[in-house]
PDB file of N, CA and C in Angstrom:
ATOM      1  N   MET A   1     -20.400 -40.925  42.979  1.00  0.00           N
ATOM      2  CA  MET A   1     -19.338 -39.948  42.958  1.00  0.00           C
ATOM      3  C   MET A   1     -18.056 -40.552  42.390  1.00  0.00           C
ATOM      4  N   LYS A   2     -17.752 -41.827  42.738  1.00  0.00           N
ATOM      5  CA  LYS A   2     -16.544 -42.473  42.237  1.00  0.00           C
ATOM      6  C   LYS A   2     -16.606 -42.647  40.724  1.00  0.00           C
ATOM      7  N   ASN A   3     -17.785 -43.004  40.211  1.00  0.00           N
ATOM      8  CA  ASN A   3     -17.922 -43.171  38.760  1.00  0.00           C
ATOM      9  C   ASN A   3     -17.683 -41.853  38.044  1.00  0.00           C
ATOM     10  N   MET A   4     -18.126 -40.781  38.655  1.00  0.00           N
ATOM     11  CA  MET A   4     -17.945 -39.467  38.059  1.00  0.00           C
ATOM     12  C   MET A   4     -16.475 -39.072  38.053  1.00  0.00           C
ATOM     13  N   GLN A   5     -15.741 -39.410  39.085  1.00  0.00           N
ATOM     14  CA  GLN A   5     -14.317 -39.097  39.145  1.00  0.00           C
ATOM     15  C   GLN A   5     -13.550 -39.865  38.076  1.00  0.00           C
ATOM     16  N   LYS A   6     -13.963 -41.092  37.777  1.00  0.00           N
ATOM     17  CA  LYS A   6     -13.307 -41.875  36.733  1.00  0.00           C
ATOM     18  C   LYS A   6     -13.678 -41.349  35.347  1.00  0.00           C
ATOM     19  N   ALA A   7     -14.904 -40.913  35.166  1.00  0.00           N
ATOM     20  CA  ALA A   7     -15.391 -40.478  33.864  1.00  0.00           C
ATOM     21  C   ALA A   7     -14.868 -39.095  33.487  1.00  0.00           C
ATOM     22  N   LEU A   8     -14.613 -38.248  34.451  1.00  0.00           N
ATOM     23  CA  LEU A   8     -14.186 -36.881  34.166  1.00  0.00           C
ATOM     24  C   LEU A   8     -12.896 -36.827  33.359  1.00  0.00           C
ATOM     25  N   PRO A   9     -11.810 -37.513  33.741  1.00  0.00           N
ATOM     26  CA  PRO A   9     -10.599 -37.450  32.920  1.00  0.00           C
ATOM     27  C   PRO A   9     -10.809 -37.974  31.499  1.00  0.00           C
ATOM     28  N   VAL A  10     -11.626 -38.999  31.342  1.00  0.00           N
ATOM     29  CA  VAL A  10     -11.900 -39.551  30.016  1.00  0.00           C
ATOM     30  C   VAL A  10     -12.655 -38.525  29.179  1.00  0.00           C
ATOM     31  N   CYS A  11     -13.641 -37.883  29.765  1.00  0.00           N
ATOM     32  CA  CYS A  11     -14.418 -36.859  29.048  1.00  0.00           C
ATOM     33  C   CYS A  11     -13.532 -35.681  28.653  1.00  0.00           C
ATOM     34  N   MET A  12     -12.663 -35.251  29.540  1.00  0.00           N
ATOM     35  CA  MET A  12     -11.768 -34.131  29.237  1.00  0.00           C
ATOM     36  C   MET A  12     -10.809 -34.499  28.107  1.00  0.00           C
ATOM     37  N   MET A  13     -10.292 -35.727  28.137  1.00  0.00           N
ATOM     38  CA  MET A  13      -9.372 -36.162  27.106  1.00  0.00           C
ATOM     39  C   MET A  13     -10.084 -36.213  25.749  1.00  0.00           C
ATOM     40  N   LEU A  14     -11.299 -36.725  25.710  1.00  0.00           N
ATOM     41  CA  LEU A  14     -12.064 -36.773  24.465  1.00  0.00           C
ATOM     42  C   LEU A  14     -12.364 -35.365  23.955  1.00  0.00           C
ATOM     43  N   ALA A  15     -12.710 -34.475  24.862  1.00  0.00           N
ATOM     44  CA  ALA A  15     -13.003 -33.092  24.464  1.00  0.00           C
ATOM     45  C   ALA A  15     -11.764 -32.434  23.874  1.00  0.00           C
ATOM     46  N   MET A  16     -10.609 -32.641  24.482  1.00  0.00           N
ATOM     47  CA  MET A  16      -9.372 -32.044  23.986  1.00  0.00           C
ATOM     48  C   MET A  16      -8.987 -32.627  22.640  1.00  0.00           C
ATOM     49  N   MET A  17      -9.215 -33.908  22.442  1.00  0.00           N
ATOM     50  CA  MET A  17      -8.870 -34.544  21.178  1.00  0.00           C
ATOM     51  C   MET A  17      -9.749 -34.032  20.043  1.00  0.00           C
ATOM     52  N   THR A  18     -11.019 -33.825  20.292  1.00  0.00           N
ATOM     53  CA  THR A  18     -11.926 -33.385  19.236  1.00  0.00           C
ATOM     54  C   THR A  18     -11.815 -31.887  18.971  1.00  0.00           C
ATOM     55  N   MET A  19     -11.397 -31.108  19.940  1.00  0.00           N
ATOM     56  CA  MET A  19     -11.278 -29.663  19.742  1.00  0.00           C
ATOM     57  C   MET A  19     -10.249 -29.349  18.667  1.00  0.00           C
ATOM     58  N   GLY A  20      -9.211 -30.117  18.599  1.00  0.00           N
ATOM     59  CA  GLY A  20      -8.181 -29.870  17.603  1.00  0.00           C
ATOM     60  C   GLY A  20      -8.606 -30.237  16.202  1.00  0.00           C
ATOM     61  N   CYS A  21      -9.667 -30.984  16.043  1.00  0.00           N
ATOM     62  CA  CYS A  21     -10.085 -31.457  14.730  1.00  0.00           C
ATOM     63  C   CYS A  21     -11.278 -30.696  14.173  1.00  0.00           C
ATOM     64  N   VAL A  22     -12.112 -30.179  15.009  1.00  0.00           N
ATOM     65  CA  VAL A  22     -13.352 -29.564  14.562  1.00  0.00           C
ATOM     66  C   VAL A  22     -13.064 -28.198  13.958  1.00  0.00           C
ATOM     67  N   GLY A  23     -13.441 -28.030  12.694  1.00  0.00           N
ATOM     68  CA  GLY A  23     -13.341 -26.744  12.029  1.00  0.00           C
ATOM     69  C   GLY A  23     -11.927 -26.262  11.794  1.00  0.00           C
ATOM     70  N   HIS A  24     -10.959 -27.123  11.823  1.00  0.00           N
ATOM     71  CA  HIS A  24      -9.582 -26.696  11.628  1.00  0.00           C
ATOM     72  C   HIS A  24      -9.188 -26.884  10.180  1.00  0.00           C
ATOM     73  N   ASP A  25      -8.690 -25.837   9.577  1.00  0.00           N
ATOM     74  CA  ASP A  25      -8.203 -25.906   8.206  1.00  0.00           C
ATOM     75  C   ASP A  25      -6.692 -25.796   8.248  1.00  0.00           C
ATOM     76  N   SER A  26      -6.012 -26.697   7.596  1.00  0.00           N
ATOM     77  CA  SER A  26      -4.552 -26.711   7.668  1.00  0.00           C
ATOM     78  C   SER A  26      -3.919 -25.595   6.856  1.00  0.00           C
ATOM     79  N   LYS A  27      -4.671 -24.966   5.949  1.00  0.00           N
ATOM     80  CA  LYS A  27      -4.104 -23.896   5.136  1.00  0.00           C
ATOM     81  C   LYS A  27      -4.235 -22.562   5.856  1.00  0.00           C
ATOM     82  N   HIS A  28      -3.266 -21.707   5.634  1.00  0.00           N
ATOM     83  CA  HIS A  28      -3.302 -20.344   6.165  1.00  0.00           C
ATOM     84  C   HIS A  28      -4.380 -19.585   5.392  1.00  0.00           C
ATOM     85  N   PRO A  29      -5.108 -18.661   6.043  1.00  0.00           N
ATOM     86  CA  PRO A  29      -6.177 -17.930   5.340  1.00  0.00           C
ATOM     87  C   PRO A  29      -5.710 -17.255   4.054  1.00  0.00           C
ATOM     88  N   SER A  30      -4.473 -16.762   4.024  1.00  0.00           N
ATOM     89  CA  SER A  30      -3.992 -16.084   2.817  1.00  0.00           C
ATOM     90  C   SER A  30      -3.815 -17.055   1.661  1.00  0.00           C
ATOM     91  N   GLU A  31      -3.690 -18.352   1.952  1.00  0.00           N
ATOM     92  CA  GLU A  31      -3.538 -19.347   0.898  1.00  0.00           C
ATOM     93  C   GLU A  31      -4.884 -19.773   0.327  1.00  0.00           C
ATOM     94  N   THR A  32      -5.956 -19.530   1.053  1.00  0.00           N
ATOM     95  CA  THR A  32      -7.266 -19.994   0.611  1.00  0.00           C
ATOM     96  C   THR A  32      -8.109 -18.895  -0.011  1.00  0.00           C
ATOM     97  N   THR A  33      -7.739 -17.635   0.160  1.00  0.00           N
ATOM     98  CA  THR A  33      -8.520 -16.550  -0.405  1.00  0.00           C
ATOM     99  C   THR A  33      -7.771 -15.933  -1.576  1.00  0.00           C
ATOM    100  N   ALA A  34      -8.520 -15.523  -2.561  1.00  0.00           N
ATOM    101  CA  ALA A  34      -7.916 -14.898  -3.732  1.00  0.00           C
ATOM    102  C   ALA A  34      -7.455 -13.495  -3.379  1.00  0.00           C
ATOM    103  N   PRO A  35      -6.361 -13.036  -3.959  1.00  0.00           N
ATOM    104  CA  PRO A  35      -5.904 -11.677  -3.667  1.00  0.00           C
ATOM    105  C   PRO A  35      -6.891 -10.656  -4.224  1.00  0.00           C
ATOM    106  N   VAL A  36      -7.010  -9.553  -3.530  1.00  0.00           N
ATOM    107  CA  VAL A  36      -7.892  -8.480  -3.955  1.00  0.00           C
ATOM    108  C   VAL A  36      -7.125  -7.617  -4.940  1.00  0.00           C
ATOM    109  N   SER A  37      -7.699  -7.403  -6.095  1.00  0.00           N
ATOM    110  CA  SER A  37      -7.028  -6.551  -7.071  1.00  0.00           C
ATOM    111  C   SER A  37      -7.960  -5.419  -7.468  1.00  0.00           C
ATOM    112  N   ARG A  38      -7.349  -4.277  -7.689  1.00  0.00           N
ATOM    113  CA  ARG A  38      -8.116  -3.121  -8.130  1.00  0.00           C
ATOM    114  C   ARG A  38      -7.727  -2.829  -9.572  1.00  0.00           C
ATOM    115  N   PRO A  39      -8.665  -2.331 -10.360  1.00  0.00           N
ATOM    116  CA  PRO A  39      -8.300  -1.975 -11.728  1.00  0.00           C
ATOM    117  C   PRO A  39      -7.301  -0.830 -11.727  1.00  0.00           C
ATOM    118  N   ALA A  40      -6.406  -0.833 -12.688  1.00  0.00           N
ATOM    119  CA  ALA A  40      -5.396   0.219 -12.789  1.00  0.00           C
ATOM    120  C   ALA A  40      -6.066   1.563 -13.081  1.00  0.00           C
ATOM    121  N   ASN A  41      -5.516   2.623 -12.503  1.00  0.00           N
ATOM    122  CA  ASN A  41      -5.997   3.967 -12.759  1.00  0.00           C
ATOM    123  C   ASN A  41      -5.594   4.334 -14.190  1.00  0.00           C
ATOM    124  N   PRO A  42      -6.554   4.553 -15.090  1.00  0.00           N
ATOM    125  CA  PRO A  42      -6.196   4.830 -16.484  1.00  0.00           C
ATOM    126  C   PRO A  42      -5.401   6.120 -16.662  1.00  0.00           C
ATOM    127  N   ALA A  43      -5.610   7.103 -15.803  1.00  0.00           N
ATOM    128  CA  ALA A  43      -4.864   8.356 -15.921  1.00  0.00           C
ATOM    129  C   ALA A  43      -3.390   8.142 -15.553  1.00  0.00           C
ATOM    130  N   VAL A  44      -3.139   7.387 -14.490  1.00  0.00           N
ATOM    131  CA  VAL A  44      -1.761   7.078 -14.097  1.00  0.00           C
ATOM    132  C   VAL A  44      -1.107   6.232 -15.186  1.00  0.00           C
ATOM    133  N   LYS A  45      -1.848   5.272 -15.694  1.00  0.00           N
ATOM    134  CA  LYS A  45      -1.321   4.380 -16.737  1.00  0.00           C
ATOM    135  C   LYS A  45      -0.902   5.176 -17.972  1.00  0.00           C
ATOM    136  N   LYS A  46      -1.749   6.115 -18.420  1.00  0.00           N
ATOM    137  CA  LYS A  46      -1.431   6.919 -19.606  1.00  0.00           C
ATOM    138  C   LYS A  46      -0.195   7.770 -19.372  1.00  0.00           C
ATOM    139  N   CYS A  47      -0.094   8.362 -18.191  1.00  0.00           N
ATOM    140  CA  CYS A  47       1.067   9.195 -17.865  1.00  0.00           C
ATOM    141  C   CYS A  47       2.361   8.373 -17.968  1.00  0.00           C
ATOM    142  N   LEU A  48       2.352   7.192 -17.380  1.00  0.00           N
ATOM    143  CA  LEU A  48       3.532   6.329 -17.406  1.00  0.00           C
ATOM    144  C   LEU A  48       3.833   5.834 -18.815  1.00  0.00           C
ATOM    145  N   GLU A  49       2.789   5.458 -19.550  1.00  0.00           N
ATOM    146  CA  GLU A  49       2.989   4.983 -20.927  1.00  0.00           C
ATOM    147  C   GLU A  49       3.564   6.061 -21.823  1.00  0.00           C
ATOM    148  N   ASP A  50       3.248   7.330 -21.528  1.00  0.00           N
ATOM    149  CA  ASP A  50       3.758   8.440 -22.333  1.00  0.00           C
ATOM    150  C   ASP A  50       5.172   8.854 -21.914  1.00  0.00           C
ATOM    151  N   GLY A  51       5.746   8.154 -20.943  1.00  0.00           N
ATOM    152  CA  GLY A  51       7.138   8.398 -20.555  1.00  0.00           C
ATOM    153  C   GLY A  51       7.326   9.407 -19.439  1.00  0.00           C
ATOM    154  N   TYR A  52       6.256   9.749 -18.736  1.00  0.00           N
ATOM    155  CA  TYR A  52       6.361  10.713 -17.650  1.00  0.00           C
ATOM    156  C   TYR A  52       6.457  10.012 -16.297  1.00  0.00           C
ATOM    157  N   ILE A  53       6.738  10.790 -15.284  1.00  0.00           N
ATOM    158  CA  ILE A  53       6.867  10.277 -13.918  1.00  0.00           C
ATOM    159  C   ILE A  53       5.565  10.550 -13.171  1.00  0.00           C
ATOM    160  N   VAL A  54       5.141   9.610 -12.350  1.00  0.00           N
ATOM    161  CA  VAL A  54       3.952   9.787 -11.519  1.00  0.00           C
ATOM    162  C   VAL A  54       4.410   9.943 -10.075  1.00  0.00           C
ATOM    163  N   GLU A  55       3.894  10.985  -9.446  1.00  0.00           N
ATOM    164  CA  GLU A  55       4.258  11.274  -8.051  1.00  0.00           C
ATOM    165  C   GLU A  55       2.982  11.477  -7.242  1.00  0.00           C
ATOM    166  N   PRO A  56       2.914  10.916  -6.034  1.00  0.00           N
ATOM    167  CA  PRO A  56       1.707  11.108  -5.224  1.00  0.00           C
ATOM    168  C   PRO A  56       1.604  12.538  -4.694  1.00  0.00           C
ATOM    169  N   VAL A  57       0.383  13.016  -4.580  1.00  0.00           N
ATOM    170  CA  VAL A  57       0.096  14.301  -3.937  1.00  0.00           C
ATOM    171  C   VAL A  57      -0.342  13.963  -2.521  1.00  0.00           C
ATOM    172  N   MET A  58       0.403  14.482  -1.535  1.00  0.00           N
ATOM    173  CA  MET A  58       0.159  14.129  -0.136  1.00  0.00           C
ATOM    174  C   MET A  58      -0.554  15.263   0.603  1.00  0.00           C
ATOM    175  N   GLU A  59      -1.470  14.864   1.480  1.00  0.00           N
ATOM    176  CA  GLU A  59      -2.123  15.792   2.406  1.00  0.00           C
ATOM    177  C   GLU A  59      -2.097  15.150   3.779  1.00  0.00           C
ATOM    178  N   ASN A  60      -1.459  15.794   4.726  1.00  0.00           N
ATOM    179  CA  ASN A  60      -1.315  15.264   6.088  1.00  0.00           C
ATOM    180  C   ASN A  60      -0.708  13.865   6.092  1.00  0.00           C
ATOM    181  N   GLY A  61       0.239  13.633   5.189  1.00  0.00           N
ATOM    182  CA  GLY A  61       0.923  12.356   5.129  1.00  0.00           C
ATOM    183  C   GLY A  61       0.152  11.246   4.446  1.00  0.00           C
ATOM    184  N   VAL A  62      -0.979  11.596   3.821  1.00  0.00           N
ATOM    185  CA  VAL A  62      -1.810  10.592   3.154  1.00  0.00           C
ATOM    186  C   VAL A  62      -1.884  10.931   1.661  1.00  0.00           C
ATOM    187  N   PRO A  63      -1.616   9.942   0.786  1.00  0.00           N
ATOM    188  CA  PRO A  63      -1.737  10.230  -0.648  1.00  0.00           C
ATOM    189  C   PRO A  63      -3.205  10.427  -1.036  1.00  0.00           C
ATOM    190  N   VAL A  64      -3.501  11.569  -1.654  1.00  0.00           N
ATOM    191  CA  VAL A  64      -4.882  11.884  -2.040  1.00  0.00           C
ATOM    192  C   VAL A  64      -5.069  11.951  -3.547  1.00  0.00           C
ATOM    193  N   ASP A  65      -3.984  12.061  -4.272  1.00  0.00           N
ATOM    194  CA  ASP A  65      -4.051  12.145  -5.730  1.00  0.00           C
ATOM    195  C   ASP A  65      -2.653  11.869  -6.279  1.00  0.00           C
ATOM    196  N   HIS A  66      -2.505  11.994  -7.597  1.00  0.00           N
ATOM    197  CA  HIS A  66      -1.209  11.837  -8.244  1.00  0.00           C
ATOM    198  C   HIS A  66      -1.017  12.954  -9.245  1.00  0.00           C
ATOM    199  N   ARG A  67       0.233  13.251  -9.521  1.00  0.00           N
ATOM    200  CA  ARG A  67       0.515  14.221 -10.562  1.00  0.00           C
ATOM    201  C   ARG A  67       1.497  13.619 -11.547  1.00  0.00           C
ATOM    202  N   CYS A  68       1.387  14.074 -12.756  1.00  0.00           N
ATOM    203  CA  CYS A  68       2.202  13.604 -13.863  1.00  0.00           C
ATOM    204  C   CYS A  68       3.287  14.658 -14.084  1.00  0.00           C
ATOM    205  N   ILE A  69       4.541  14.222 -14.144  1.00  0.00           N
ATOM    206  CA  ILE A  69       5.664  15.158 -14.238  1.00  0.00           C
ATOM    207  C   ILE A  69       6.514  14.830 -15.461  1.00  0.00           C
ATOM    208  N   ASN A  70       6.839  15.864 -16.222  1.00  0.00           N
ATOM    209  CA  ASN A  70       7.768  15.721 -17.335  1.00  0.00           C
ATOM    210  C   ASN A  70       9.181  15.840 -16.758  1.00  0.00           C
ATOM    211  N   PRO A  71       9.981  14.781 -16.797  1.00  0.00           N
ATOM    212  CA  PRO A  71      11.310  14.837 -16.176  1.00  0.00           C
ATOM    213  C   PRO A  71      12.280  15.791 -16.875  1.00  0.00           C
ATOM    214  N   GLU A  72      12.021  16.122 -18.132  1.00  0.00           N
ATOM    215  CA  GLU A  72      12.920  17.025 -18.861  1.00  0.00           C
ATOM    216  C   GLU A  72      12.672  18.487 -18.524  1.00  0.00           C
ATOM    217  N   THR A  73      11.408  18.851 -18.269  1.00  0.00           N
ATOM    218  CA  THR A  73      11.068  20.257 -18.023  1.00  0.00           C
ATOM    219  C   THR A  73      10.608  20.519 -16.593  1.00  0.00           C
ATOM    220  N   ASP A  74      10.385  19.472 -15.822  1.00  0.00           N
ATOM    221  CA  ASP A  74       9.836  19.556 -14.468  1.00  0.00           C
ATOM    222  C   ASP A  74       8.427  20.146 -14.441  1.00  0.00           C
ATOM    223  N   ARG A  75       7.796  20.229 -15.583  1.00  0.00           N
ATOM    224  CA  ARG A  75       6.416  20.695 -15.628  1.00  0.00           C
ATOM    225  C   ARG A  75       5.521  19.568 -15.122  1.00  0.00           C
ATOM    226  N   ALA A  76       4.488  19.934 -14.343  1.00  0.00           N
ATOM    227  CA  ALA A  76       3.620  18.925 -13.737  1.00  0.00           C
ATOM    228  C   ALA A  76       2.168  19.343 -13.812  1.00  0.00           C
ATOM    229  N   CYS A  77       1.303  18.348 -13.814  1.00  0.00           N
ATOM    230  CA  CYS A  77      -0.128  18.584 -13.688  1.00  0.00           C
ATOM    231  C   CYS A  77      -0.769  17.319 -13.137  1.00  0.00           C
ATOM    232  N   GLY A  78      -1.985  17.449 -12.670  1.00  0.00           N
ATOM    233  CA  GLY A  78      -2.700  16.300 -12.135  1.00  0.00           C
ATOM    234  C   GLY A  78      -2.881  15.239 -13.216  1.00  0.00           C
ATOM    235  N   VAL A  79      -2.837  13.972 -12.807  1.00  0.00           N
ATOM    236  CA  VAL A  79      -2.936  12.908 -13.811  1.00  0.00           C
ATOM    237  C   VAL A  79      -4.247  12.956 -14.580  1.00  0.00           C
ATOM    238  N   TRP A  80      -5.331  13.312 -13.903  1.00  0.00           N
ATOM    239  CA  TRP A  80      -6.616  13.355 -14.605  1.00  0.00           C
ATOM    240  C   TRP A  80      -6.694  14.548 -15.553  1.00  0.00           C
ATOM    241  N   GLU A  81      -6.068  15.668 -15.188  1.00  0.00           N
ATOM    242  CA  GLU A  81      -6.018  16.810 -16.122  1.00  0.00           C
ATOM    243  C   GLU A  81      -5.221  16.419 -17.361  1.00  0.00           C
ATOM    244  N   TYR A  82      -4.103  15.729 -17.141  1.00  0.00           N
ATOM    245  CA  TYR A  82      -3.299  15.267 -18.287  1.00  0.00           C
ATOM    246  C   TYR A  82      -4.104  14.275 -19.115  1.00  0.00           C
ATOM    247  N   TYR A  83      -4.779  13.374 -18.486  1.00  0.00           N
ATOM    248  CA  TYR A  83      -5.568  12.355 -19.176  1.00  0.00           C
ATOM    249  C   TYR A  83      -6.656  12.995 -20.052  1.00  0.00           C
ATOM    250  N   ARG A  84      -7.300  14.045 -19.517  1.00  0.00           N
ATOM    251  CA  ARG A  84      -8.369  14.734 -20.268  1.00  0.00           C
ATOM    252  C   ARG A  84      -7.830  15.758 -21.251  1.00  0.00           C
ATOM    253  N   LYS A  85      -6.496  15.886 -21.306  1.00  0.00           N
ATOM    254  CA  LYS A  85      -5.797  16.836 -22.188  1.00  0.00           C
ATOM    255  C   LYS A  85      -6.112  18.286 -21.804  1.00  0.00           C
ATOM    256  N   ASP A  86      -6.352  18.508 -20.481  1.00  0.00           N
ATOM    257  CA  ASP A  86      -6.557  19.868 -19.988  1.00  0.00           C
ATOM    258  C   ASP A  86      -5.213  20.509 -19.613  1.00  0.00           C
ATOM    259  N   CYS A  87      -4.148  19.723 -19.644  1.00  0.00           N
ATOM    260  CA  CYS A  87      -2.822  20.203 -19.265  1.00  0.00           C
ATOM    261  C   CYS A  87      -1.804  19.520 -20.176  1.00  0.00           C
ATOM    262  N   ALA A  88      -0.923  20.295 -20.766  1.00  0.00           N
ATOM    263  CA  ALA A  88       0.108  19.739 -21.647  1.00  0.00           C
ATOM    264  C   ALA A  88       1.443  19.751 -20.933  1.00  0.00           C
ATOM    265  N   LEU A  89       2.161  18.666 -21.096  1.00  0.00           N
ATOM    266  CA  LEU A  89       3.488  18.574 -20.491  1.00  0.00           C
ATOM    267  C   LEU A  89       4.508  18.726 -21.590  1.00  0.00           C
TER     268      LEU A  89
END
């Protein structure tokens, strides 16, 4: 029993020392993973490149689509309709 009482603090100290080293990476996860990128929406890109404004279409506070707006006439249509030339601004 006495040997066990002497060995217990030593074992606990060794366990605590190794716990800090095993599997620990000094870098933050955001520094080790590449950022996730999505391809640009070609319809939004075309609208902006043509000099129009892009505005989100909201449903229940959630953006579900975008619309392309001519700032001079306030005429608007969905970005994909504009992209397919189904709507002229």
